[in-house]
Amino acid sequence: MGEARRRPGGYAGAADLPPPREETAMRRLLPALALTALLALAAPATLGATNPRSVGAEASTVTVSESFPINYDEPIILFVPCALGGAGEEVEFGGDVHTVFHLTTDAAGGVHVSHLTNYQGVAGVGLTSGETYRLAGAARTAETHGPGGLPFEFTTTNSRRLVGPGTGNDLRLHVVTHSTVSASGEVVTFVQRVDADCG
């Protein structure tokens, strides 16, 4: 697996590293998600106010689609151990990721959120070789929230393939995690599976 690194070359300690890009991207999308959630929750209430049908008997779905840069203000540099015949090299990445969020409220008042992020527009350049690498794959998350918000749980499946030049320079990574947020807000996450190999 790779390590996040900062330029100019030296390893930055964990406390000095910027937040993971998906976390940063998620922070950027939180206002949009909050607005989406409010709209999704308000829509049935508005319908119920003008229509005598029970609000609880209706479900609604909202979809938000957004593209954003993978590297906001810091370069993303990943060590790829498969590169250069197994010697490895650092690769600096840039480009846009695309995320689609689906938010559904069910008849019981529960909220189901799923999002799919793909890395189609992301590419990198080897800092030693100058070769181009492409990031392929997707991250998929599904969340279920009860009518009161807490507790809820979600599962994330992240499959990525870093495609390098020639043979033997590709890195495959597949990670499945499951998280539960208790009624008190305590988050418990465990990794269900990790597969990584060169090929």
C-alpha atoms as a PDB file:
ATOM      1  CA  MET A   1       0.000   0.000   0.000  1.00  0.00           C
ATOM      2  CA  GLY A   2       1.085   3.577  -0.380  1.00  0.00           C
ATOM      3  CA  GLU A   3       2.008   6.321   2.016  1.00  0.00           C
ATOM      4  CA  ALA A   4       0.850   9.898   1.688  1.00  0.00           C
ATOM      5  CA  ARG A   5       3.809  12.233   1.314  1.00  0.00           C
ATOM      6  CA  ARG A   6       4.274  15.949   0.996  1.00  0.00           C
ATOM      7  CA  ARG A   7       6.605  17.792  -1.276  1.00  0.00           C
ATOM      8  CA  PRO A   8       9.532  18.638  -1.122  1.00  0.00           C
ATOM      9  CA  GLY A   9      10.463  15.004  -0.693  1.00  0.00           C
ATOM     10  CA  GLY A  10      10.674  14.506   3.071  1.00  0.00           C
ATOM     11  CA  TYR A  11       8.207  12.287   4.879  1.00  0.00           C
ATOM     12  CA  ALA A  12       5.702  14.283   6.858  1.00  0.00           C
ATOM     13  CA  GLY A  13       4.647  12.861  10.208  1.00  0.00           C
ATOM     14  CA  ALA A  14       1.020  11.797  10.578  1.00  0.00           C
ATOM     15  CA  ALA A  15       0.186  14.972  12.515  1.00  0.00           C
ATOM     16  CA  ASP A  16       1.572  17.102   9.666  1.00  0.00           C
ATOM     17  CA  LEU A  17      -0.322  15.398   6.869  1.00  0.00           C
ATOM     18  CA  PRO A  18      -3.422  17.013   5.412  1.00  0.00           C
ATOM     19  CA  PRO A  19      -6.684  15.139   5.981  1.00  0.00           C
ATOM     20  CA  PRO A  20      -7.288  12.259   3.579  1.00  0.00           C
ATOM     21  CA  ARG A  21      -8.677  13.583   0.290  1.00  0.00           C
ATOM     22  CA  GLU A  22     -11.964  11.705   0.619  1.00  0.00           C
ATOM     23  CA  GLU A  23     -12.399  13.299   4.074  1.00  0.00           C
ATOM     24  CA  THR A  24     -11.615  16.740   2.646  1.00  0.00           C
ATOM     25  CA  ALA A  25     -13.976  16.143  -0.242  1.00  0.00           C
ATOM     26  CA  MET A  26     -16.644  14.969   2.176  1.00  0.00           C
ATOM     27  CA  ARG A  27     -16.249  18.177   4.217  1.00  0.00           C
ATOM     28  CA  ARG A  28     -16.763  20.168   1.041  1.00  0.00           C
ATOM     29  CA  LEU A  29     -19.901  18.184   0.208  1.00  0.00           C
ATOM     30  CA  LEU A  30     -21.437  18.282   3.695  1.00  0.00           C
ATOM     31  CA  PRO A  31     -23.301  21.580   3.111  1.00  0.00           C
ATOM     32  CA  ALA A  32     -24.763  20.155  -0.106  1.00  0.00           C
ATOM     33  CA  LEU A  33     -25.705  16.938   1.682  1.00  0.00           C
ATOM     34  CA  ALA A  34     -27.271  18.861   4.565  1.00  0.00           C
ATOM     35  CA  LEU A  35     -29.323  20.928   2.127  1.00  0.00           C
ATOM     36  CA  THR A  36     -30.267  17.782   0.225  1.00  0.00           C
ATOM     37  CA  ALA A  37     -31.331  16.083   3.451  1.00  0.00           C
ATOM     38  CA  LEU A  38     -33.425  19.079   4.484  1.00  0.00           C
ATOM     39  CA  LEU A  39     -35.072  19.221   1.073  1.00  0.00           C
ATOM     40  CA  ALA A  40     -35.731  15.495   1.121  1.00  0.00           C
ATOM     41  CA  LEU A  41     -37.226  15.667   4.584  1.00  0.00           C
ATOM     42  CA  ALA A  42     -39.170  18.866   3.910  1.00  0.00           C
ATOM     43  CA  ALA A  43     -40.687  17.657   0.638  1.00  0.00           C
ATOM     44  CA  PRO A  44     -42.954  15.032   2.247  1.00  0.00           C
ATOM     45  CA  ALA A  45     -43.946  17.506   4.991  1.00  0.00           C
ATOM     46  CA  THR A  46     -44.893  20.095   2.375  1.00  0.00           C
ATOM     47  CA  LEU A  47     -46.885  17.516   0.453  1.00  0.00           C
ATOM     48  CA  GLY A  48     -48.622  16.494   3.663  1.00  0.00           C
ATOM     49  CA  ALA A  49     -49.581  20.111   4.404  1.00  0.00           C
ATOM     50  CA  THR A  50     -51.374  20.503   1.075  1.00  0.00           C
ATOM     51  CA  ASN A  51     -52.606  16.952   0.762  1.00  0.00           C
ATOM     52  CA  PRO A  52     -54.520  15.077   3.474  1.00  0.00           C
ATOM     53  CA  ARG A  53     -52.506  11.869   2.911  1.00  0.00           C
ATOM     54  CA  SER A  54     -50.261  10.725   5.748  1.00  0.00           C
ATOM     55  CA  VAL A  55     -46.722  12.107   5.521  1.00  0.00           C
ATOM     56  CA  GLY A  56     -45.313   8.861   6.948  1.00  0.00           C
ATOM     57  CA  ALA A  57     -46.778   6.875   4.073  1.00  0.00           C
ATOM     58  CA  GLU A  58     -44.641   8.651   1.477  1.00  0.00           C
ATOM     59  CA  ALA A  59     -41.058   8.134   0.472  1.00  0.00           C
ATOM     60  CA  SER A  60     -38.842  10.483  -1.492  1.00  0.00           C
ATOM     61  CA  THR A  61     -35.480  10.351  -3.218  1.00  0.00           C
ATOM     62  CA  VAL A  62     -33.010  13.137  -3.994  1.00  0.00           C
ATOM     63  CA  THR A  63     -29.876  12.745  -6.120  1.00  0.00           C
ATOM     64  CA  VAL A  64     -26.865  15.084  -6.126  1.00  0.00           C
ATOM     65  CA  SER A  65     -24.014  14.746  -8.626  1.00  0.00           C
ATOM     66  CA  GLU A  66     -20.753  16.685  -8.309  1.00  0.00           C
ATOM     67  CA  SER A  67     -17.218  16.678  -9.665  1.00  0.00           C
ATOM     68  CA  PHE A  68     -14.350  18.180  -7.690  1.00  0.00           C
ATOM     69  CA  PRO A  69     -10.549  18.201  -7.767  1.00  0.00           C
ATOM     70  CA  ILE A  70      -8.810  15.412  -5.879  1.00  0.00           C
ATOM     71  CA  ASN A  71      -6.018  17.752  -4.790  1.00  0.00           C
ATOM     72  CA  TYR A  72      -7.363  21.033  -3.439  1.00  0.00           C
ATOM     73  CA  ASP A  73      -4.311  22.839  -2.124  1.00  0.00           C
ATOM     74  CA  GLU A  74      -1.766  20.099  -1.431  1.00  0.00           C
ATOM     75  CA  PRO A  75      -0.257  17.680  -3.906  1.00  0.00           C
ATOM     76  CA  ILE A  76      -1.187  14.045  -3.446  1.00  0.00           C
ATOM     77  CA  ILE A  77       1.960  11.966  -3.650  1.00  0.00           C
ATOM     78  CA  LEU A  78       1.692   8.204  -3.256  1.00  0.00           C
ATOM     79  CA  PHE A  79       4.541   5.699  -3.110  1.00  0.00           C
ATOM     80  CA  VAL A  80       3.830   2.921  -5.622  1.00  0.00           C
ATOM     81  CA  PRO A  81       5.888  -0.175  -4.698  1.00  0.00           C
ATOM     82  CA  CYS A  82       5.131  -1.946  -8.011  1.00  0.00           C
ATOM     83  CA  ALA A  83       6.726   0.757 -10.167  1.00  0.00           C
ATOM     84  CA  LEU A  84      10.159   0.612 -11.781  1.00  0.00           C
ATOM     85  CA  GLY A  85      10.443  -3.162 -11.681  1.00  0.00           C
ATOM     86  CA  GLY A  86       9.671  -3.345  -7.959  1.00  0.00           C
ATOM     87  CA  ALA A  87      12.019  -0.531  -6.881  1.00  0.00           C
ATOM     88  CA  GLY A  88       8.990   1.729  -6.496  1.00  0.00           C
ATOM     89  CA  GLU A  89       8.581   5.441  -7.042  1.00  0.00           C
ATOM     90  CA  GLU A  90       6.538   8.376  -5.814  1.00  0.00           C
ATOM     91  CA  VAL A  91       3.672   9.416  -8.085  1.00  0.00           C
ATOM     92  CA  GLU A  92       1.993  12.830  -7.884  1.00  0.00           C
ATOM     93  CA  PHE A  93      -1.744  12.786  -8.667  1.00  0.00           C
ATOM     94  CA  GLY A  94      -4.217  15.375  -9.876  1.00  0.00           C
ATOM     95  CA  GLY A  95      -7.539  15.567 -11.676  1.00  0.00           C
ATOM     96  CA  ASP A  96     -11.231  15.431 -10.864  1.00  0.00           C
ATOM     97  CA  VAL A  97     -13.284  12.773  -9.125  1.00  0.00           C
ATOM     98  CA  HIS A  98     -17.016  12.422  -9.678  1.00  0.00           C
ATOM     99  CA  THR A  99     -19.467  11.564  -6.899  1.00  0.00           C
ATOM    100  CA  VAL A 100     -23.177  10.757  -7.095  1.00  0.00           C
ATOM    101  CA  PHE A 101     -25.198  10.840  -3.853  1.00  0.00           C
ATOM    102  CA  HIS A 102     -28.654   9.290  -3.484  1.00  0.00           C
ATOM    103  CA  LEU A 103     -30.715  10.149  -0.404  1.00  0.00           C
ATOM    104  CA  THR A 104     -34.018   8.343   0.162  1.00  0.00           C
ATOM    105  CA  THR A 105     -36.474   8.806   3.013  1.00  0.00           C
ATOM    106  CA  ASP A 106     -38.675   5.790   3.609  1.00  0.00           C
ATOM    107  CA  ALA A 107     -42.282   5.641   4.802  1.00  0.00           C
ATOM    108  CA  ALA A 108     -41.140   5.027   8.403  1.00  0.00           C
ATOM    109  CA  GLY A 109     -38.971   8.173   8.442  1.00  0.00           C
ATOM    110  CA  GLY A 110     -35.666   6.388   7.984  1.00  0.00           C
ATOM    111  CA  VAL A 111     -33.013   7.874   5.730  1.00  0.00           C
ATOM    112  CA  HIS A 112     -30.898   5.801   3.350  1.00  0.00           C
ATOM    113  CA  VAL A 113     -27.828   7.423   1.786  1.00  0.00           C
ATOM    114  CA  SER A 114     -25.560   5.941  -0.838  1.00  0.00           C
ATOM    115  CA  HIS A 115     -22.757   7.496  -2.772  1.00  0.00           C
ATOM    116  CA  LEU A 116     -20.507   6.322  -5.537  1.00  0.00           C
ATOM    117  CA  THR A 117     -17.205   8.038  -6.280  1.00  0.00           C
ATOM    118  CA  ASN A 118     -15.210   7.256  -9.405  1.00  0.00           C
ATOM    119  CA  TYR A 119     -11.687   8.341 -10.215  1.00  0.00           C
ATOM    120  CA  GLN A 120     -11.946   8.441 -14.017  1.00  0.00           C
ATOM    121  CA  GLY A 121     -10.376  11.883 -14.319  1.00  0.00           C
ATOM    122  CA  VAL A 122      -7.428  11.210 -11.993  1.00  0.00           C
ATOM    123  CA  ALA A 123      -3.899  10.690 -13.328  1.00  0.00           C
ATOM    124  CA  GLY A 124      -0.402  10.891 -11.898  1.00  0.00           C
ATOM    125  CA  VAL A 125       3.176  11.407 -13.000  1.00  0.00           C
ATOM    126  CA  GLY A 126       6.064   9.336 -11.642  1.00  0.00           C
ATOM    127  CA  LEU A 127       8.494  11.710  -9.935  1.00  0.00           C
ATOM    128  CA  THR A 128      11.453   9.508 -10.915  1.00  0.00           C
ATOM    129  CA  SER A 129      10.423   8.130 -14.315  1.00  0.00           C
ATOM    130  CA  GLY A 130       8.111  10.864 -15.594  1.00  0.00           C
ATOM    131  CA  GLU A 131       5.720   8.097 -16.678  1.00  0.00           C
ATOM    132  CA  THR A 132       1.940   8.583 -16.560  1.00  0.00           C
ATOM    133  CA  TYR A 133      -0.223   6.559 -14.157  1.00  0.00           C
ATOM    134  CA  ARG A 134      -4.028   6.445 -14.202  1.00  0.00           C
ATOM    135  CA  LEU A 135      -6.303   5.776 -11.257  1.00  0.00           C
ATOM    136  CA  ALA A 136      -9.313   3.604 -12.035  1.00  0.00           C
ATOM    137  CA  GLY A 137     -12.044   2.200  -9.843  1.00  0.00           C
ATOM    138  CA  ALA A 138     -14.665   3.427  -7.437  1.00  0.00           C
ATOM    139  CA  ALA A 139     -15.606   3.848  -3.792  1.00  0.00           C
ATOM    140  CA  ARG A 140     -19.157   2.914  -2.808  1.00  0.00           C
ATOM    141  CA  THR A 141     -20.772   3.749   0.545  1.00  0.00           C
ATOM    142  CA  ALA A 142     -24.242   2.868   1.835  1.00  0.00           C
ATOM    143  CA  GLU A 143     -25.732   4.316   5.043  1.00  0.00           C
ATOM    144  CA  THR A 144     -28.974   3.648   6.886  1.00  0.00           C
ATOM    145  CA  HIS A 145     -30.302   6.133   9.462  1.00  0.00           C
ATOM    146  CA  GLY A 146     -33.304   5.470  11.698  1.00  0.00           C
ATOM    147  CA  PRO A 147     -36.099   8.035  12.069  1.00  0.00           C
ATOM    148  CA  GLY A 148     -34.292   9.718  14.993  1.00  0.00           C
ATOM    149  CA  GLY A 149     -30.928  10.011  13.202  1.00  0.00           C
ATOM    150  CA  LEU A 150     -28.878   7.874  15.617  1.00  0.00           C
ATOM    151  CA  PRO A 151     -27.925   5.049  15.658  1.00  0.00           C
ATOM    152  CA  PHE A 152     -26.910   4.288  12.081  1.00  0.00           C
ATOM    153  CA  GLU A 153     -24.406   2.178  10.205  1.00  0.00           C
ATOM    154  CA  PHE A 154     -22.636   2.214   6.879  1.00  0.00           C
ATOM    155  CA  THR A 155     -20.412   0.028   4.740  1.00  0.00           C
ATOM    156  CA  THR A 156     -17.750   1.331   2.369  1.00  0.00           C
ATOM    157  CA  THR A 157     -16.306  -0.706  -0.492  1.00  0.00           C
ATOM    158  CA  ASN A 158     -13.307   0.874  -2.175  1.00  0.00           C
ATOM    159  CA  SER A 159     -11.774  -0.770  -5.242  1.00  0.00           C
ATOM    160  CA  ARG A 160      -8.971   1.054  -7.004  1.00  0.00           C
ATOM    161  CA  ARG A 161      -6.424   0.130  -9.597  1.00  0.00           C
ATOM    162  CA  LEU A 162      -3.413   2.265 -10.267  1.00  0.00           C
ATOM    163  CA  VAL A 163      -2.475   1.564 -13.879  1.00  0.00           C
ATOM    164  CA  GLY A 164       1.164   2.217 -14.708  1.00  0.00           C
ATOM    165  CA  PRO A 165       3.129   1.952 -17.953  1.00  0.00           C
ATOM    166  CA  GLY A 166       4.151  -1.466 -19.236  1.00  0.00           C
ATOM    167  CA  THR A 167       3.713  -4.706 -17.321  1.00  0.00           C
ATOM    168  CA  GLY A 168       4.025  -5.246 -13.584  1.00  0.00           C
ATOM    169  CA  ASN A 169       3.530  -1.578 -12.646  1.00  0.00           C
ATOM    170  CA  ASP A 170      -0.138  -1.804 -11.664  1.00  0.00           C
ATOM    171  CA  LEU A 171      -1.279  -1.705  -8.046  1.00  0.00           C
ATOM    172  CA  ARG A 172      -4.665  -3.194  -7.118  1.00  0.00           C
ATOM    173  CA  LEU A 173      -6.336  -2.274  -3.842  1.00  0.00           C
ATOM    174  CA  HIS A 174      -9.701  -3.470  -2.489  1.00  0.00           C
ATOM    175  CA  VAL A 175     -10.873  -2.457   1.003  1.00  0.00           C
ATOM    176  CA  VAL A 176     -14.228  -3.126   2.704  1.00  0.00           C
ATOM    177  CA  THR A 177     -15.022  -1.401   6.015  1.00  0.00           C
ATOM    178  CA  HIS A 178     -18.146  -1.367   8.163  1.00  0.00           C
ATOM    179  CA  SER A 179     -18.943   1.415  10.631  1.00  0.00           C
ATOM    180  CA  THR A 180     -21.607   1.797  13.292  1.00  0.00           C
ATOM    181  CA  VAL A 181     -22.546   5.032  15.044  1.00  0.00           C
ATOM    182  CA  SER A 182     -24.257   4.336  18.388  1.00  0.00           C
ATOM    183  CA  ALA A 183     -27.134   6.329  19.887  1.00  0.00           C
ATOM    184  CA  SER A 184     -24.529   8.234  21.940  1.00  0.00           C
ATOM    185  CA  GLY A 185     -22.528   9.110  18.806  1.00  0.00           C
ATOM    186  CA  GLU A 186     -19.678   6.652  19.365  1.00  0.00           C
ATOM    187  CA  VAL A 187     -18.217   5.451  16.070  1.00  0.00           C
ATOM    188  CA  VAL A 188     -16.918   1.907  15.742  1.00  0.00           C
ATOM    189  CA  THR A 189     -15.274   0.972  12.444  1.00  0.00           C
ATOM    190  CA  PHE A 190     -13.697  -2.295  11.525  1.00  0.00           C
ATOM    191  CA  VAL A 191     -11.996  -3.416   8.360  1.00  0.00           C
ATOM    192  CA  GLN A 192     -13.716  -6.456   6.943  1.00  0.00           C
ATOM    193  CA  ARG A 193     -11.268  -7.126   4.143  1.00  0.00           C
ATOM    194  CA  VAL A 194      -8.115  -5.713   2.532  1.00  0.00           C
ATOM    195  CA  ASP A 195      -6.571  -7.046  -0.672  1.00  0.00           C
ATOM    196  CA  ALA A 196      -3.565  -5.358  -2.302  1.00  0.00           C
ATOM    197  CA  ASP A 197      -1.207  -6.695  -4.933  1.00  0.00           C
ATOM    198  CA  CYS A 198       0.994  -5.745  -7.844  1.00  0.00           C
ATOM    199  CA  GLY A 199       0.120  -6.957 -11.283  1.00  0.00           C
END
